[in-house]
N, C-alpha and C. Protein backbone atom coordinates (compact mmCIF):
# COMPACT_ATOMS: atom_id res chain seq x y z
N UNK A 1 -21.58 -23.81 25.16
CA UNK A 1 -21.46 -22.48 24.60
C UNK A 1 -20.00 -22.03 24.52
N UNK A 2 -19.27 -22.27 25.62
CA UNK A 2 -17.85 -21.91 25.63
C UNK A 2 -17.10 -22.66 24.54
N UNK A 3 -17.45 -23.93 24.37
CA UNK A 3 -16.80 -24.73 23.32
C UNK A 3 -17.09 -24.16 21.94
N UNK A 4 -18.34 -23.70 21.74
CA UNK A 4 -18.71 -23.10 20.45
C UNK A 4 -17.90 -21.84 20.19
N UNK A 5 -17.77 -21.00 21.22
CA UNK A 5 -17.01 -19.77 21.06
C UNK A 5 -15.54 -20.07 20.80
N UNK A 6 -14.99 -21.08 21.48
CA UNK A 6 -13.61 -21.47 21.21
C UNK A 6 -13.44 -21.94 19.77
N UNK A 7 -14.44 -22.65 19.27
CA UNK A 7 -14.38 -23.08 17.88
C UNK A 7 -14.41 -21.90 16.92
N UNK A 8 -15.25 -20.91 17.22
CA UNK A 8 -15.31 -19.71 16.38
C UNK A 8 -13.98 -18.96 16.42
N UNK A 9 -13.40 -18.88 17.60
CA UNK A 9 -12.12 -18.19 17.73
C UNK A 9 -11.01 -18.92 16.97
N UNK A 10 -11.03 -20.22 17.00
CA UNK A 10 -10.04 -20.99 16.23
C UNK A 10 -10.21 -20.73 14.74
N UNK A 11 -11.48 -20.68 14.30
CA UNK A 11 -11.72 -20.38 12.89
C UNK A 11 -11.24 -18.97 12.54
N UNK A 12 -11.49 -18.02 13.45
CA UNK A 12 -11.04 -16.64 13.21
C UNK A 12 -9.53 -16.55 13.16
N UNK A 13 -8.86 -17.34 13.99
CA UNK A 13 -7.39 -17.32 13.98
C UNK A 13 -6.86 -17.88 12.67
N UNK A 14 -7.50 -18.93 12.15
CA UNK A 14 -7.09 -19.49 10.87
C UNK A 14 -7.31 -18.49 9.74
N UNK A 15 -8.47 -17.84 9.75
CA UNK A 15 -8.78 -16.83 8.72
C UNK A 15 -7.78 -15.68 8.80
N UNK A 16 -7.51 -15.20 10.01
CA UNK A 16 -6.56 -14.12 10.18
C UNK A 16 -5.17 -14.49 9.69
N UNK A 17 -4.72 -15.69 10.03
CA UNK A 17 -3.40 -16.14 9.58
C UNK A 17 -3.35 -16.26 8.06
N UNK A 18 -4.44 -16.75 7.48
CA UNK A 18 -4.50 -16.88 6.01
C UNK A 18 -4.34 -15.53 5.33
N UNK A 19 -5.06 -14.52 5.83
CA UNK A 19 -4.97 -13.20 5.21
C UNK A 19 -3.64 -12.51 5.51
N UNK A 20 -3.05 -12.80 6.65
CA UNK A 20 -1.73 -12.25 6.95
C UNK A 20 -0.71 -12.74 5.94
N UNK A 21 -0.75 -14.04 5.65
CA UNK A 21 0.20 -14.61 4.69
C UNK A 21 -0.11 -14.12 3.28
N UNK A 22 -1.41 -14.12 2.91
CA UNK A 22 -1.79 -13.72 1.55
C UNK A 22 -1.43 -12.27 1.28
N UNK A 23 -1.71 -11.37 2.22
CA UNK A 23 -1.38 -9.96 2.02
C UNK A 23 0.13 -9.74 2.05
N UNK A 24 0.82 -10.53 2.86
CA UNK A 24 2.28 -10.41 2.89
C UNK A 24 2.89 -10.73 1.54
N UNK A 25 2.34 -11.72 0.85
CA UNK A 25 2.83 -12.07 -0.49
C UNK A 25 2.39 -11.04 -1.52
N UNK A 26 1.15 -10.58 -1.41
CA UNK A 26 0.60 -9.65 -2.42
C UNK A 26 1.23 -8.27 -2.33
N UNK A 27 1.65 -7.85 -1.15
CA UNK A 27 2.15 -6.49 -0.96
C UNK A 27 3.68 -6.41 -1.02
N UNK A 28 4.31 -7.46 -1.50
CA UNK A 28 5.75 -7.34 -1.70
C UNK A 28 6.04 -6.25 -2.73
N UNK A 29 7.05 -5.45 -2.46
CA UNK A 29 7.35 -4.32 -3.33
C UNK A 29 7.55 -4.71 -4.77
N UNK A 30 8.20 -5.85 -5.02
CA UNK A 30 8.48 -6.28 -6.38
C UNK A 30 7.25 -6.67 -7.15
N UNK A 31 6.17 -7.02 -6.46
CA UNK A 31 4.93 -7.38 -7.15
C UNK A 31 4.07 -6.16 -7.44
N UNK A 32 4.20 -5.13 -6.65
CA UNK A 32 3.42 -3.91 -6.87
C UNK A 32 4.17 -2.94 -7.79
N UNK A 33 5.47 -2.78 -7.53
CA UNK A 33 6.32 -1.90 -8.34
C UNK A 33 7.51 -2.72 -8.81
N UNK A 34 7.37 -3.46 -9.91
CA UNK A 34 8.47 -4.30 -10.38
C UNK A 34 9.71 -3.47 -10.71
N UNK A 35 10.89 -3.92 -10.31
CA UNK A 35 12.12 -3.18 -10.62
C UNK A 35 12.31 -2.94 -12.12
N UNK A 36 11.89 -3.91 -12.95
CA UNK A 36 12.05 -3.75 -14.40
C UNK A 36 11.20 -2.59 -14.92
N UNK A 37 9.99 -2.45 -14.38
CA UNK A 37 9.11 -1.36 -14.81
C UNK A 37 9.66 -0.02 -14.32
N UNK A 38 10.14 0.00 -13.09
CA UNK A 38 10.74 1.23 -12.57
C UNK A 38 11.93 1.66 -13.43
N UNK A 39 12.78 0.69 -13.77
CA UNK A 39 13.95 1.01 -14.60
C UNK A 39 13.52 1.49 -15.98
N UNK A 40 12.49 0.87 -16.55
CA UNK A 40 12.01 1.29 -17.87
C UNK A 40 11.46 2.71 -17.83
N UNK A 41 10.78 3.08 -16.75
CA UNK A 41 10.27 4.44 -16.61
C UNK A 41 11.43 5.45 -16.52
N UNK A 42 12.50 5.05 -15.85
CA UNK A 42 13.63 5.95 -15.71
C UNK A 42 14.37 6.15 -17.03
N UNK A 43 14.31 5.13 -17.90
CA UNK A 43 15.03 5.23 -19.18
C UNK A 43 14.13 5.70 -20.32
N UNK A 44 12.86 5.92 -20.04
CA UNK A 44 11.93 6.39 -21.08
C UNK A 44 12.13 7.89 -21.26
N UNK A 45 12.83 8.26 -22.33
CA UNK A 45 13.17 9.66 -22.56
C UNK A 45 12.24 10.36 -23.53
N UNK A 46 11.72 9.64 -24.50
CA UNK A 46 10.88 10.26 -25.52
C UNK A 46 9.89 9.23 -26.03
N UNK A 47 9.06 9.64 -26.99
CA UNK A 47 7.99 8.77 -27.49
C UNK A 47 8.54 7.52 -28.18
N UNK A 48 9.78 7.56 -28.65
CA UNK A 48 10.35 6.39 -29.30
C UNK A 48 10.59 5.26 -28.31
N UNK A 49 10.66 5.58 -27.03
CA UNK A 49 10.87 4.57 -26.00
C UNK A 49 9.57 3.94 -25.51
N UNK A 50 8.43 4.48 -25.94
CA UNK A 50 7.15 3.96 -25.44
C UNK A 50 6.91 2.50 -25.79
N UNK A 51 7.22 2.02 -27.00
CA UNK A 51 7.03 0.59 -27.29
C UNK A 51 7.81 -0.31 -26.34
N UNK A 52 9.04 0.08 -26.02
CA UNK A 52 9.83 -0.68 -25.07
C UNK A 52 9.18 -0.69 -23.70
N UNK A 53 8.67 0.47 -23.28
CA UNK A 53 8.01 0.56 -21.97
C UNK A 53 6.75 -0.28 -21.93
N UNK A 54 5.96 -0.24 -22.99
CA UNK A 54 4.74 -1.06 -23.05
C UNK A 54 5.08 -2.54 -22.95
N UNK A 55 6.11 -2.96 -23.67
CA UNK A 55 6.48 -4.37 -23.68
C UNK A 55 6.89 -4.83 -22.29
N UNK A 56 7.67 -4.03 -21.60
CA UNK A 56 8.11 -4.41 -20.26
C UNK A 56 6.94 -4.44 -19.29
N UNK A 57 6.03 -3.48 -19.41
CA UNK A 57 4.85 -3.48 -18.54
C UNK A 57 3.98 -4.72 -18.78
N UNK A 58 3.84 -5.13 -20.02
CA UNK A 58 3.06 -6.32 -20.33
C UNK A 58 3.75 -7.58 -19.83
N UNK A 59 5.08 -7.58 -19.81
CA UNK A 59 5.82 -8.75 -19.32
C UNK A 59 5.81 -8.82 -17.80
N UNK A 60 5.57 -7.70 -17.13
CA UNK A 60 5.57 -7.66 -15.65
C UNK A 60 4.24 -7.07 -15.17
N UNK A 61 3.15 -7.82 -15.26
CA UNK A 61 1.84 -7.28 -14.83
C UNK A 61 1.87 -6.93 -13.34
N UNK A 62 1.39 -5.75 -13.04
CA UNK A 62 1.38 -5.24 -11.67
C UNK A 62 0.50 -4.01 -11.63
N UNK A 63 0.16 -3.51 -10.45
CA UNK A 63 -0.61 -2.26 -10.39
C UNK A 63 0.08 -1.11 -11.10
N UNK A 64 1.37 -0.95 -10.91
CA UNK A 64 2.08 0.13 -11.59
C UNK A 64 2.07 -0.07 -13.10
N UNK A 65 2.25 -1.30 -13.56
CA UNK A 65 2.25 -1.57 -15.00
C UNK A 65 0.91 -1.20 -15.62
N UNK A 66 -0.17 -1.53 -14.95
CA UNK A 66 -1.49 -1.22 -15.49
C UNK A 66 -1.71 0.29 -15.57
N UNK A 67 -1.22 1.02 -14.58
CA UNK A 67 -1.37 2.47 -14.61
C UNK A 67 -0.54 3.10 -15.72
N UNK A 68 0.68 2.62 -15.90
CA UNK A 68 1.54 3.15 -16.96
C UNK A 68 0.95 2.87 -18.33
N UNK A 69 0.45 1.64 -18.53
CA UNK A 69 -0.17 1.30 -19.81
C UNK A 69 -1.40 2.16 -20.08
N UNK A 70 -2.16 2.44 -19.04
CA UNK A 70 -3.34 3.30 -19.22
C UNK A 70 -2.93 4.71 -19.64
N UNK A 71 -1.92 5.25 -18.97
CA UNK A 71 -1.47 6.60 -19.31
C UNK A 71 -0.93 6.65 -20.74
N UNK A 72 -0.18 5.63 -21.13
CA UNK A 72 0.37 5.60 -22.49
C UNK A 72 -0.74 5.43 -23.52
N UNK A 73 -1.74 4.63 -23.20
CA UNK A 73 -2.85 4.40 -24.12
C UNK A 73 -3.69 5.67 -24.32
N UNK A 74 -3.78 6.50 -23.29
CA UNK A 74 -4.57 7.72 -23.36
C UNK A 74 -3.73 8.94 -23.69
N UNK A 75 -2.60 8.72 -24.31
CA UNK A 75 -1.68 9.82 -24.59
C UNK A 75 -2.32 10.90 -25.47
N UNK A 76 -3.26 10.53 -26.33
CA UNK A 76 -3.89 11.51 -27.22
C UNK A 76 -4.88 12.41 -26.48
N UNK A 77 -5.24 12.03 -25.24
CA UNK A 77 -6.10 12.89 -24.45
C UNK A 77 -5.30 14.09 -23.94
N UNK A 78 -6.01 15.07 -23.43
CA UNK A 78 -5.31 16.17 -22.77
C UNK A 78 -4.70 15.66 -21.46
N UNK A 79 -3.72 16.41 -20.97
CA UNK A 79 -3.06 15.98 -19.75
C UNK A 79 -4.03 15.91 -18.58
N UNK A 80 -4.95 16.88 -18.50
CA UNK A 80 -5.91 16.89 -17.40
C UNK A 80 -6.82 15.66 -17.46
N UNK A 81 -7.29 15.32 -18.66
CA UNK A 81 -8.16 14.15 -18.81
C UNK A 81 -7.41 12.87 -18.50
N UNK A 82 -6.19 12.77 -18.98
CA UNK A 82 -5.39 11.58 -18.72
C UNK A 82 -5.09 11.46 -17.23
N UNK A 83 -4.76 12.56 -16.61
CA UNK A 83 -4.46 12.54 -15.17
C UNK A 83 -5.69 12.14 -14.36
N UNK A 84 -6.87 12.61 -14.77
CA UNK A 84 -8.10 12.25 -14.06
C UNK A 84 -8.40 10.77 -14.20
N UNK A 85 -8.26 10.23 -15.42
CA UNK A 85 -8.49 8.80 -15.63
C UNK A 85 -7.48 7.97 -14.85
N UNK A 86 -6.23 8.45 -14.81
CA UNK A 86 -5.19 7.73 -14.08
C UNK A 86 -5.47 7.73 -12.59
N UNK A 87 -5.97 8.84 -12.08
CA UNK A 87 -6.30 8.93 -10.66
C UNK A 87 -7.42 7.97 -10.29
N UNK A 88 -8.43 7.87 -11.16
CA UNK A 88 -9.53 6.94 -10.92
C UNK A 88 -9.03 5.50 -10.89
N UNK A 89 -8.20 5.15 -11.86
CA UNK A 89 -7.66 3.79 -11.92
C UNK A 89 -6.74 3.52 -10.73
N UNK A 90 -6.02 4.55 -10.28
CA UNK A 90 -5.12 4.37 -9.14
C UNK A 90 -5.93 4.06 -7.87
N UNK A 91 -7.08 4.72 -7.72
CA UNK A 91 -7.92 4.41 -6.56
C UNK A 91 -8.39 2.96 -6.59
N UNK A 92 -8.71 2.47 -7.79
CA UNK A 92 -9.11 1.07 -7.93
C UNK A 92 -7.97 0.14 -7.56
N UNK A 93 -6.76 0.46 -8.01
CA UNK A 93 -5.60 -0.38 -7.69
C UNK A 93 -5.33 -0.38 -6.19
N UNK A 94 -5.47 0.77 -5.56
CA UNK A 94 -5.25 0.84 -4.11
C UNK A 94 -6.29 0.03 -3.36
N UNK A 95 -7.53 0.07 -3.83
CA UNK A 95 -8.58 -0.73 -3.18
C UNK A 95 -8.28 -2.22 -3.30
N UNK A 96 -7.68 -2.62 -4.41
CA UNK A 96 -7.28 -4.02 -4.57
C UNK A 96 -6.16 -4.38 -3.60
N UNK A 97 -5.22 -3.45 -3.43
CA UNK A 97 -4.14 -3.70 -2.48
C UNK A 97 -4.66 -3.80 -1.05
N UNK A 98 -5.72 -3.07 -0.76
CA UNK A 98 -6.28 -3.08 0.60
C UNK A 98 -7.23 -4.26 0.83
N UNK A 99 -7.47 -5.04 -0.21
CA UNK A 99 -8.36 -6.19 -0.07
C UNK A 99 -7.80 -7.14 0.99
N UNK A 100 -8.62 -7.56 1.91
CA UNK A 100 -8.19 -8.45 2.98
C UNK A 100 -7.87 -7.71 4.26
N UNK A 101 -7.50 -6.43 4.17
CA UNK A 101 -7.21 -5.67 5.38
C UNK A 101 -8.47 -5.46 6.21
N UNK A 102 -9.61 -5.37 5.53
CA UNK A 102 -10.88 -5.24 6.26
C UNK A 102 -11.13 -6.48 7.11
N UNK A 103 -10.81 -7.64 6.57
CA UNK A 103 -11.01 -8.89 7.32
C UNK A 103 -10.13 -8.89 8.57
N UNK A 104 -8.87 -8.47 8.41
CA UNK A 104 -7.98 -8.40 9.57
C UNK A 104 -8.50 -7.40 10.61
N UNK A 105 -9.05 -6.30 10.13
CA UNK A 105 -9.60 -5.30 11.06
C UNK A 105 -10.78 -5.87 11.83
N UNK A 106 -11.61 -6.65 11.15
CA UNK A 106 -12.75 -7.28 11.82
C UNK A 106 -12.28 -8.30 12.86
N UNK A 107 -11.28 -9.09 12.49
CA UNK A 107 -10.74 -10.07 13.43
C UNK A 107 -10.18 -9.37 14.66
N UNK A 108 -9.48 -8.25 14.44
CA UNK A 108 -8.91 -7.49 15.56
C UNK A 108 -10.01 -7.03 16.52
N UNK A 109 -11.14 -6.59 15.99
CA UNK A 109 -12.21 -6.07 16.84
C UNK A 109 -13.04 -7.15 17.49
N UNK A 110 -13.27 -8.25 16.76
CA UNK A 110 -14.22 -9.27 17.23
C UNK A 110 -13.57 -10.29 18.14
N UNK A 111 -12.34 -10.69 17.87
CA UNK A 111 -11.71 -11.79 18.62
C UNK A 111 -11.65 -11.54 20.13
N UNK A 112 -11.18 -10.39 20.59
CA UNK A 112 -11.15 -10.18 22.05
C UNK A 112 -12.55 -10.19 22.67
N UNK A 113 -13.53 -9.65 21.94
CA UNK A 113 -14.90 -9.63 22.47
C UNK A 113 -15.47 -11.05 22.57
N UNK A 114 -15.21 -11.86 21.56
CA UNK A 114 -15.66 -13.26 21.63
C UNK A 114 -14.97 -13.99 22.78
N UNK A 115 -13.69 -13.71 22.97
CA UNK A 115 -12.98 -14.34 24.09
C UNK A 115 -13.57 -13.93 25.42
N UNK A 116 -13.92 -12.67 25.54
CA UNK A 116 -14.52 -12.19 26.80
C UNK A 116 -15.89 -12.81 27.01
N UNK A 117 -16.68 -12.91 25.93
CA UNK A 117 -18.00 -13.53 26.06
C UNK A 117 -17.85 -14.99 26.49
N UNK A 118 -16.90 -15.70 25.88
CA UNK A 118 -16.68 -17.09 26.26
C UNK A 118 -16.27 -17.24 27.72
N UNK A 119 -15.41 -16.34 28.18
CA UNK A 119 -14.97 -16.39 29.58
C UNK A 119 -16.13 -16.12 30.54
N UNK A 120 -16.90 -15.07 30.24
CA UNK A 120 -18.02 -14.73 31.12
C UNK A 120 -19.06 -15.84 31.15
N UNK A 121 -19.38 -16.38 29.98
CA UNK A 121 -20.38 -17.45 29.95
C UNK A 121 -19.87 -18.67 30.70
N UNK A 122 -18.58 -19.00 30.50
CA UNK A 122 -18.03 -20.15 31.22
C UNK A 122 -18.06 -19.96 32.73
N UNK A 123 -17.75 -18.75 33.20
CA UNK A 123 -17.78 -18.49 34.64
C UNK A 123 -19.21 -18.51 35.18
N UNK A 124 -20.16 -18.00 34.40
CA UNK A 124 -21.56 -18.06 34.83
C UNK A 124 -22.00 -19.50 35.01
N UNK A 125 -21.71 -20.35 34.02
CA UNK A 125 -22.09 -21.76 34.12
C UNK A 125 -21.40 -22.44 35.29
N UNK A 126 -20.12 -22.06 35.51
CA UNK A 126 -19.36 -22.67 36.61
C UNK A 126 -19.99 -22.32 37.95
N UNK A 127 -20.30 -21.05 38.16
CA UNK A 127 -20.84 -20.64 39.46
C UNK A 127 -22.28 -21.09 39.65
N UNK A 128 -23.01 -21.25 38.54
CA UNK A 128 -24.33 -21.85 38.66
C UNK A 128 -24.23 -23.28 39.17
N UNK A 129 -23.25 -24.01 38.64
CA UNK A 129 -23.03 -25.38 39.10
C UNK A 129 -22.61 -25.42 40.56
N UNK A 130 -21.78 -24.47 40.96
CA UNK A 130 -21.33 -24.41 42.36
C UNK A 130 -22.52 -24.10 43.27
N UNK A 131 -23.41 -23.20 42.79
CA UNK A 131 -24.57 -22.85 43.60
C UNK A 131 -25.52 -24.01 43.80
N UNK A 132 -25.58 -24.91 42.82
CA UNK A 132 -26.50 -26.05 42.92
C UNK A 132 -25.89 -27.19 43.73
N UNK A 133 -24.63 -27.54 43.46
CA UNK A 133 -24.04 -28.73 44.07
C UNK A 133 -22.94 -28.43 45.06
N UNK A 134 -22.66 -27.15 45.30
CA UNK A 134 -21.59 -26.81 46.23
C UNK A 134 -20.24 -26.84 45.55
N UNK A 135 -19.22 -26.60 46.36
CA UNK A 135 -17.87 -26.53 45.80
C UNK A 135 -17.40 -27.87 45.26
N UNK A 136 -17.80 -28.93 45.92
CA UNK A 136 -17.36 -30.24 45.46
C UNK A 136 -15.85 -30.32 45.48
N UNK A 137 -15.28 -30.75 44.38
CA UNK A 137 -13.84 -30.85 44.27
C UNK A 137 -13.25 -29.48 43.90
N UNK A 138 -12.34 -28.94 44.74
CA UNK A 138 -11.72 -27.65 44.39
C UNK A 138 -10.98 -27.70 43.05
N UNK A 139 -10.42 -28.85 42.76
CA UNK A 139 -9.69 -28.98 41.49
C UNK A 139 -10.63 -28.82 40.30
N UNK A 140 -11.88 -29.31 40.44
CA UNK A 140 -12.85 -29.16 39.36
C UNK A 140 -13.21 -27.70 39.14
N UNK A 141 -13.31 -26.95 40.25
CA UNK A 141 -13.58 -25.52 40.13
C UNK A 141 -12.43 -24.82 39.41
N UNK A 142 -11.21 -25.20 39.80
CA UNK A 142 -10.03 -24.61 39.15
C UNK A 142 -9.98 -24.93 37.68
N UNK A 143 -10.30 -26.16 37.33
CA UNK A 143 -10.32 -26.55 35.92
C UNK A 143 -11.39 -25.78 35.15
N UNK A 144 -12.53 -25.56 35.80
CA UNK A 144 -13.60 -24.82 35.14
C UNK A 144 -13.20 -23.37 34.87
N UNK A 145 -12.55 -22.75 35.86
CA UNK A 145 -12.10 -21.37 35.67
C UNK A 145 -11.04 -21.31 34.57
N UNK A 146 -10.13 -22.27 34.57
CA UNK A 146 -9.08 -22.29 33.54
C UNK A 146 -9.68 -22.45 32.15
N UNK A 147 -10.71 -23.29 32.05
CA UNK A 147 -11.36 -23.48 30.75
C UNK A 147 -12.02 -22.20 30.28
N UNK A 148 -12.64 -21.48 31.20
CA UNK A 148 -13.29 -20.23 30.84
C UNK A 148 -12.28 -19.18 30.40
N UNK A 149 -11.15 -19.12 31.10
CA UNK A 149 -10.14 -18.11 30.78
C UNK A 149 -9.42 -18.41 29.47
N UNK A 150 -9.47 -19.65 29.03
CA UNK A 150 -8.84 -19.98 27.75
C UNK A 150 -9.46 -19.20 26.60
N UNK A 151 -10.74 -18.89 26.72
CA UNK A 151 -11.41 -18.14 25.66
C UNK A 151 -10.80 -16.74 25.52
N UNK A 152 -10.56 -16.09 26.67
CA UNK A 152 -9.94 -14.77 26.63
C UNK A 152 -8.52 -14.85 26.05
N UNK A 153 -7.77 -15.84 26.49
CA UNK A 153 -6.41 -16.01 25.99
C UNK A 153 -6.40 -16.25 24.48
N UNK A 154 -7.27 -17.11 24.00
CA UNK A 154 -7.32 -17.40 22.57
C UNK A 154 -7.75 -16.17 21.78
N UNK A 155 -8.69 -15.41 22.36
CA UNK A 155 -9.11 -14.19 21.69
C UNK A 155 -7.98 -13.18 21.54
N UNK A 156 -7.17 -13.04 22.59
CA UNK A 156 -6.04 -12.12 22.52
C UNK A 156 -4.96 -12.63 21.56
N UNK A 157 -4.70 -13.93 21.60
CA UNK A 157 -3.69 -14.50 20.71
C UNK A 157 -4.12 -14.41 19.25
N UNK A 158 -5.41 -14.35 19.01
CA UNK A 158 -5.91 -14.18 17.65
C UNK A 158 -5.85 -12.72 17.23
N UNK A 159 -6.18 -11.82 18.14
CA UNK A 159 -6.28 -10.40 17.78
C UNK A 159 -4.93 -9.72 17.65
N UNK A 160 -3.97 -10.05 18.51
CA UNK A 160 -2.70 -9.33 18.52
C UNK A 160 -1.93 -9.47 17.21
N UNK A 161 -1.71 -10.70 16.68
CA UNK A 161 -1.01 -10.77 15.39
C UNK A 161 -1.77 -10.09 14.26
N UNK A 162 -3.10 -10.19 14.29
CA UNK A 162 -3.91 -9.53 13.26
C UNK A 162 -3.77 -8.01 13.35
N UNK A 163 -3.70 -7.48 14.57
CA UNK A 163 -3.54 -6.04 14.75
C UNK A 163 -2.18 -5.57 14.22
N UNK A 164 -1.14 -6.33 14.54
CA UNK A 164 0.20 -5.97 14.07
C UNK A 164 0.24 -6.00 12.54
N UNK A 165 -0.31 -7.08 11.95
CA UNK A 165 -0.31 -7.21 10.49
C UNK A 165 -1.14 -6.11 9.84
N UNK A 166 -2.31 -5.82 10.39
CA UNK A 166 -3.18 -4.78 9.82
C UNK A 166 -2.49 -3.42 9.84
N UNK A 167 -1.85 -3.07 10.95
CA UNK A 167 -1.16 -1.78 11.05
C UNK A 167 0.00 -1.71 10.06
N UNK A 168 0.77 -2.79 9.97
CA UNK A 168 1.93 -2.79 9.08
C UNK A 168 1.50 -2.73 7.62
N UNK A 169 0.52 -3.54 7.25
CA UNK A 169 0.08 -3.57 5.85
C UNK A 169 -0.60 -2.27 5.44
N UNK A 170 -1.35 -1.66 6.34
CA UNK A 170 -1.99 -0.38 6.03
C UNK A 170 -0.94 0.68 5.73
N UNK A 171 0.10 0.72 6.56
CA UNK A 171 1.19 1.67 6.32
C UNK A 171 1.91 1.36 5.02
N UNK A 172 2.09 0.09 4.74
CA UNK A 172 2.80 -0.29 3.51
C UNK A 172 1.99 0.09 2.28
N UNK A 173 0.68 -0.10 2.32
CA UNK A 173 -0.17 0.31 1.19
C UNK A 173 -0.06 1.80 0.96
N UNK A 174 -0.05 2.59 2.04
CA UNK A 174 0.10 4.04 1.90
C UNK A 174 1.43 4.39 1.24
N UNK A 175 2.51 3.72 1.66
CA UNK A 175 3.82 4.00 1.09
C UNK A 175 3.87 3.63 -0.38
N UNK A 176 3.30 2.47 -0.73
CA UNK A 176 3.28 2.04 -2.12
C UNK A 176 2.45 3.00 -2.98
N UNK A 177 1.34 3.47 -2.42
CA UNK A 177 0.49 4.41 -3.16
C UNK A 177 1.23 5.70 -3.44
N UNK A 178 1.97 6.22 -2.46
CA UNK A 178 2.73 7.45 -2.66
C UNK A 178 3.82 7.24 -3.71
N UNK A 179 4.49 6.10 -3.64
CA UNK A 179 5.56 5.82 -4.60
C UNK A 179 5.01 5.69 -6.01
N UNK A 180 3.88 4.98 -6.17
CA UNK A 180 3.29 4.85 -7.49
C UNK A 180 2.82 6.19 -8.02
N UNK A 181 2.26 7.03 -7.15
CA UNK A 181 1.80 8.35 -7.57
C UNK A 181 2.97 9.19 -8.08
N UNK A 182 4.11 9.12 -7.39
CA UNK A 182 5.28 9.89 -7.83
C UNK A 182 5.78 9.40 -9.18
N UNK A 183 5.83 8.08 -9.37
CA UNK A 183 6.30 7.52 -10.64
C UNK A 183 5.35 7.88 -11.78
N UNK A 184 4.06 7.80 -11.52
CA UNK A 184 3.08 8.12 -12.57
C UNK A 184 3.08 9.60 -12.91
N UNK A 185 3.23 10.46 -11.90
CA UNK A 185 3.30 11.90 -12.17
C UNK A 185 4.51 12.23 -13.03
N UNK A 186 5.64 11.60 -12.72
CA UNK A 186 6.84 11.85 -13.50
C UNK A 186 6.67 11.33 -14.93
N UNK A 187 6.00 10.19 -15.07
CA UNK A 187 5.78 9.64 -16.41
C UNK A 187 4.86 10.55 -17.23
N UNK A 188 3.81 11.08 -16.59
CA UNK A 188 2.93 12.01 -17.29
C UNK A 188 3.69 13.26 -17.73
N UNK A 189 4.55 13.74 -16.87
CA UNK A 189 5.35 14.91 -17.23
C UNK A 189 6.21 14.62 -18.46
N UNK A 190 6.83 13.45 -18.48
CA UNK A 190 7.63 13.08 -19.64
C UNK A 190 6.76 12.90 -20.87
N UNK A 191 5.60 12.30 -20.68
CA UNK A 191 4.72 11.97 -21.80
C UNK A 191 4.26 13.22 -22.53
N UNK A 192 3.96 14.28 -21.78
CA UNK A 192 3.41 15.48 -22.40
C UNK A 192 4.46 16.54 -22.72
N UNK A 193 5.73 16.20 -22.45
CA UNK A 193 6.81 17.08 -22.87
C UNK A 193 7.67 16.42 -23.94
N UNK A 194 7.24 15.24 -24.38
CA UNK A 194 8.04 14.51 -25.36
C UNK A 194 8.10 15.24 -26.69
N UNK A 195 7.04 15.94 -27.03
CA UNK A 195 7.02 16.65 -28.31
C UNK A 195 7.81 17.95 -28.27
N UNK A 196 8.12 18.41 -27.06
CA UNK A 196 8.82 19.68 -26.94
C UNK A 196 10.33 19.51 -26.97
N UNK A 197 10.79 18.32 -26.56
CA UNK A 197 12.23 18.08 -26.52
C UNK A 197 12.50 16.64 -26.79
N UNK A 198 13.51 16.30 -27.63
CA UNK A 198 13.82 14.90 -27.89
C UNK A 198 14.40 14.20 -26.69
N UNK A 199 15.00 14.93 -25.80
CA UNK A 199 15.59 14.34 -24.60
C UNK A 199 15.00 15.04 -23.40
N UNK A 200 14.17 14.31 -22.65
CA UNK A 200 13.45 14.96 -21.56
C UNK A 200 14.32 15.20 -20.34
N UNK A 201 15.55 14.74 -20.35
CA UNK A 201 16.42 14.92 -19.19
C UNK A 201 17.40 16.07 -19.38
N UNK A 202 17.25 16.85 -20.49
CA UNK A 202 18.13 17.97 -20.70
C UNK A 202 17.95 19.00 -19.59
N UNK A 203 18.96 19.72 -19.33
CA UNK A 203 18.88 20.78 -18.34
C UNK A 203 17.96 21.88 -18.85
N UNK A 204 17.21 22.55 -18.01
CA UNK A 204 16.31 23.62 -18.44
C UNK A 204 17.05 24.70 -19.24
N UNK A 205 18.28 25.02 -18.82
CA UNK A 205 19.02 26.07 -19.52
C UNK A 205 19.31 25.67 -20.95
N UNK A 206 19.61 24.39 -21.18
CA UNK A 206 19.89 23.92 -22.53
C UNK A 206 18.65 23.96 -23.38
N UNK A 207 17.49 23.61 -22.83
CA UNK A 207 16.25 23.63 -23.60
C UNK A 207 15.88 25.06 -23.99
N UNK A 208 16.13 26.02 -23.06
CA UNK A 208 15.81 27.41 -23.37
C UNK A 208 16.71 27.93 -24.48
N UNK A 209 17.99 27.55 -24.39
CA UNK A 209 18.91 27.99 -25.43
C UNK A 209 18.64 27.30 -26.75
């Protein structure tokens, strides 16, 4: 039984490490918010710049690119309708970014418990053997206890890196979501003021005059 639990823990550690690496690659800032798309948003002043922005978004597929393309495609809608559709799509993009974090959370919760179960079961079997045949060789008893405690150690070694990665990636997803929301809000503002002014970066006083 202890051997089975150790095998499960080894599998959990491999799964946890796989998702740690995969999420680390997927959540790189340049893959979620490409610098080229950010720069294109900053230089998009009026509707004449939209074709350039669309082209750059298509060349750099990412969550932000998909949101910008959606907002540009729905430009004929009212701002409220476009904003609502963008918010729905943003939630979908965030759920994609969070994919795999649930697995890490499960590993964090289950690994220490499996390690504890393995340790307790190993100690029960050890003391049952001692009760039947006596202490026998003290070294054998020591080896048995060490084998049982390995399950707890492996469980902790599996859970701790997964916990660190889960906490870090969760915070990073939140930061990326806030940054994308700010960029999209600014783009919507530009999109629906493009008809009012040829240059959306003019000072308010100049536009009034």
